[in-house]
């Protein structure tokens, strides 16, 4: 398989992970805000791993950090690699 295709595919997956992480943060912050305004215990109903909004928030942060690190590594490799240049 073409090396550039693999890198582009990984970058596309990372962009999807960043979007998923932002969505996770969005729903968890909404639940945290609602629980701070009411005396009720609010849970994240659309959470994938846990229903605790604070834990879900941190999972979203970790997903974004991992995806951004992978994209930065691919970008750094392409910038410093001589095979990426056209002759």
C-alpha atoms as a PDB file:
ATOM      1  CA  UNK A   1       0.000   0.000   0.000  1.00  0.00           C
ATOM      2  CA  UNK A   2       1.169   3.516  -0.699  1.00  0.00           C
ATOM      3  CA  UNK A   3       2.882   5.168   2.291  1.00  0.00           C
ATOM      4  CA  UNK A   4       1.148   8.495   1.674  1.00  0.00           C
ATOM      5  CA  UNK A   5      -2.249   6.811   1.618  1.00  0.00           C
ATOM      6  CA  UNK A   6      -1.562   5.157   4.974  1.00  0.00           C
ATOM      7  CA  UNK A   7      -0.533   8.491   6.519  1.00  0.00           C
ATOM      8  CA  UNK A   8      -3.593  10.228   5.082  1.00  0.00           C
ATOM      9  CA  UNK A   9      -5.821   7.437   6.388  1.00  0.00           C
ATOM     10  CA  UNK A  10      -4.298   7.695   9.874  1.00  0.00           C
ATOM     11  CA  UNK A  11      -4.727  11.486   9.778  1.00  0.00           C
ATOM     12  CA  UNK A  12      -8.398  11.061   8.820  1.00  0.00           C
ATOM     13  CA  UNK A  13      -8.915   8.673  11.730  1.00  0.00           C
ATOM     14  CA  UNK A  14      -7.215  11.191  14.045  1.00  0.00           C
ATOM     15  CA  UNK A  15      -9.532  13.962  12.843  1.00  0.00           C
ATOM     16  CA  UNK A  16     -12.488  11.706  13.573  1.00  0.00           C
ATOM     17  CA  UNK A  17     -11.057  11.011  17.041  1.00  0.00           C
ATOM     18  CA  UNK A  18     -10.718  14.748  17.686  1.00  0.00           C
ATOM     19  CA  UNK A  19     -14.347  15.296  16.660  1.00  0.00           C
ATOM     20  CA  UNK A  20     -15.434  12.420  18.882  1.00  0.00           C
ATOM     21  CA  UNK A  21     -13.394  13.827  21.779  1.00  0.00           C
ATOM     22  CA  UNK A  22     -14.964  17.263  21.376  1.00  0.00           C
ATOM     23  CA  UNK A  23     -18.428  15.699  21.330  1.00  0.00           C
ATOM     24  CA  UNK A  24     -17.578  13.780  24.511  1.00  0.00           C
ATOM     25  CA  UNK A  25     -16.450  16.986  26.216  1.00  0.00           C
ATOM     26  CA  UNK A  26     -19.605  18.772  25.035  1.00  0.00           C
ATOM     27  CA  UNK A  27     -22.047  16.273  26.516  1.00  0.00           C
ATOM     28  CA  UNK A  28     -20.102  15.955  29.751  1.00  0.00           C
ATOM     29  CA  UNK A  29     -19.869  19.720  30.311  1.00  0.00           C
ATOM     30  CA  UNK A  30     -23.618  19.988  29.714  1.00  0.00           C
ATOM     31  CA  UNK A  31     -24.222  17.326  32.359  1.00  0.00           C
ATOM     32  CA  UNK A  32     -21.809  19.019  34.777  1.00  0.00           C
ATOM     33  CA  UNK A  33     -23.598  22.352  34.319  1.00  0.00           C
ATOM     34  CA  UNK A  34     -27.032  20.836  34.858  1.00  0.00           C
ATOM     35  CA  UNK A  35     -25.883  18.977  37.969  1.00  0.00           C
ATOM     36  CA  UNK A  36     -24.428  22.185  39.414  1.00  0.00           C
ATOM     37  CA  UNK A  37     -27.795  23.949  39.029  1.00  0.00           C
ATOM     38  CA  UNK A  38     -29.992  21.208  40.482  1.00  0.00           C
ATOM     39  CA  UNK A  39     -29.719  19.003  43.561  1.00  0.00           C
ATOM     40  CA  UNK A  40     -30.247  15.928  41.376  1.00  0.00           C
ATOM     41  CA  UNK A  41     -27.482  13.520  40.443  1.00  0.00           C
ATOM     42  CA  UNK A  42     -27.100  13.932  36.660  1.00  0.00           C
ATOM     43  CA  UNK A  43     -25.552  11.211  34.512  1.00  0.00           C
ATOM     44  CA  UNK A  44     -24.367  11.240  30.918  1.00  0.00           C
ATOM     45  CA  UNK A  45     -26.914   9.086  29.089  1.00  0.00           C
ATOM     46  CA  UNK A  46     -25.014   9.005  25.800  1.00  0.00           C
ATOM     47  CA  UNK A  47     -21.641   8.196  27.318  1.00  0.00           C
ATOM     48  CA  UNK A  48     -19.784   5.272  25.788  1.00  0.00           C
ATOM     49  CA  UNK A  49     -17.636   4.155  28.702  1.00  0.00           C
ATOM     50  CA  UNK A  50     -19.091   5.674  31.822  1.00  0.00           C
ATOM     51  CA  UNK A  51     -22.053   7.735  32.956  1.00  0.00           C
ATOM     52  CA  UNK A  52     -19.976   9.981  35.239  1.00  0.00           C
ATOM     53  CA  UNK A  53     -19.716  13.383  33.488  1.00  0.00           C
ATOM     54  CA  UNK A  54     -16.370  14.323  35.063  1.00  0.00           C
ATOM     55  CA  UNK A  55     -14.754  11.052  34.021  1.00  0.00           C
ATOM     56  CA  UNK A  56     -16.305  11.343  30.555  1.00  0.00           C
ATOM     57  CA  UNK A  57     -14.851  14.869  30.265  1.00  0.00           C
ATOM     58  CA  UNK A  58     -11.356  13.593  31.013  1.00  0.00           C
ATOM     59  CA  UNK A  59     -11.713  10.701  28.578  1.00  0.00           C
ATOM     60  CA  UNK A  60     -12.565  13.254  25.867  1.00  0.00           C
ATOM     61  CA  UNK A  61      -9.457  15.257  26.742  1.00  0.00           C
ATOM     62  CA  UNK A  62      -7.278  12.141  26.520  1.00  0.00           C
ATOM     63  CA  UNK A  63      -8.745  11.182  23.140  1.00  0.00           C
ATOM     64  CA  UNK A  64      -7.986  14.643  21.742  1.00  0.00           C
ATOM     65  CA  UNK A  65      -4.444  14.641  23.150  1.00  0.00           C
ATOM     66  CA  UNK A  66      -3.621  11.230  21.682  1.00  0.00           C
ATOM     67  CA  UNK A  67      -5.037  12.101  18.248  1.00  0.00           C
ATOM     68  CA  UNK A  68      -3.249  15.464  18.167  1.00  0.00           C
ATOM     69  CA  UNK A  69       0.041  13.818  19.161  1.00  0.00           C
ATOM     70  CA  UNK A  70      -0.263  11.248  16.363  1.00  0.00           C
ATOM     71  CA  UNK A  71      -1.070  13.963  13.806  1.00  0.00           C
ATOM     72  CA  UNK A  72       1.873  16.052  15.028  1.00  0.00           C
ATOM     73  CA  UNK A  73       4.185  13.042  14.704  1.00  0.00           C
ATOM     74  CA  UNK A  74       3.027  12.387  11.135  1.00  0.00           C
ATOM     75  CA  UNK A  75       3.479  16.063  10.249  1.00  0.00           C
ATOM     76  CA  UNK A  76       6.935  16.191  11.835  1.00  0.00           C
ATOM     77  CA  UNK A  77       7.955  13.027   9.981  1.00  0.00           C
ATOM     78  CA  UNK A  78       6.760  14.429   6.648  1.00  0.00           C
ATOM     79  CA  UNK A  79       8.563  17.734   7.186  1.00  0.00           C
ATOM     80  CA  UNK A  80      11.873  16.133   8.167  1.00  0.00           C
ATOM     81  CA  UNK A  81      11.754  13.198   5.746  1.00  0.00           C
ATOM     82  CA  UNK A  82      13.555  13.700   2.434  1.00  0.00           C
ATOM     83  CA  UNK A  83      11.316  11.270   0.546  1.00  0.00           C
ATOM     84  CA  UNK A  84       8.338  13.607   0.941  1.00  0.00           C
ATOM     85  CA  UNK A  85       9.889  16.184  -1.389  1.00  0.00           C
ATOM     86  CA  UNK A  86       9.183  16.198  -5.085  1.00  0.00           C
ATOM     87  CA  UNK A  87      12.137  16.435  -7.397  1.00  0.00           C
END
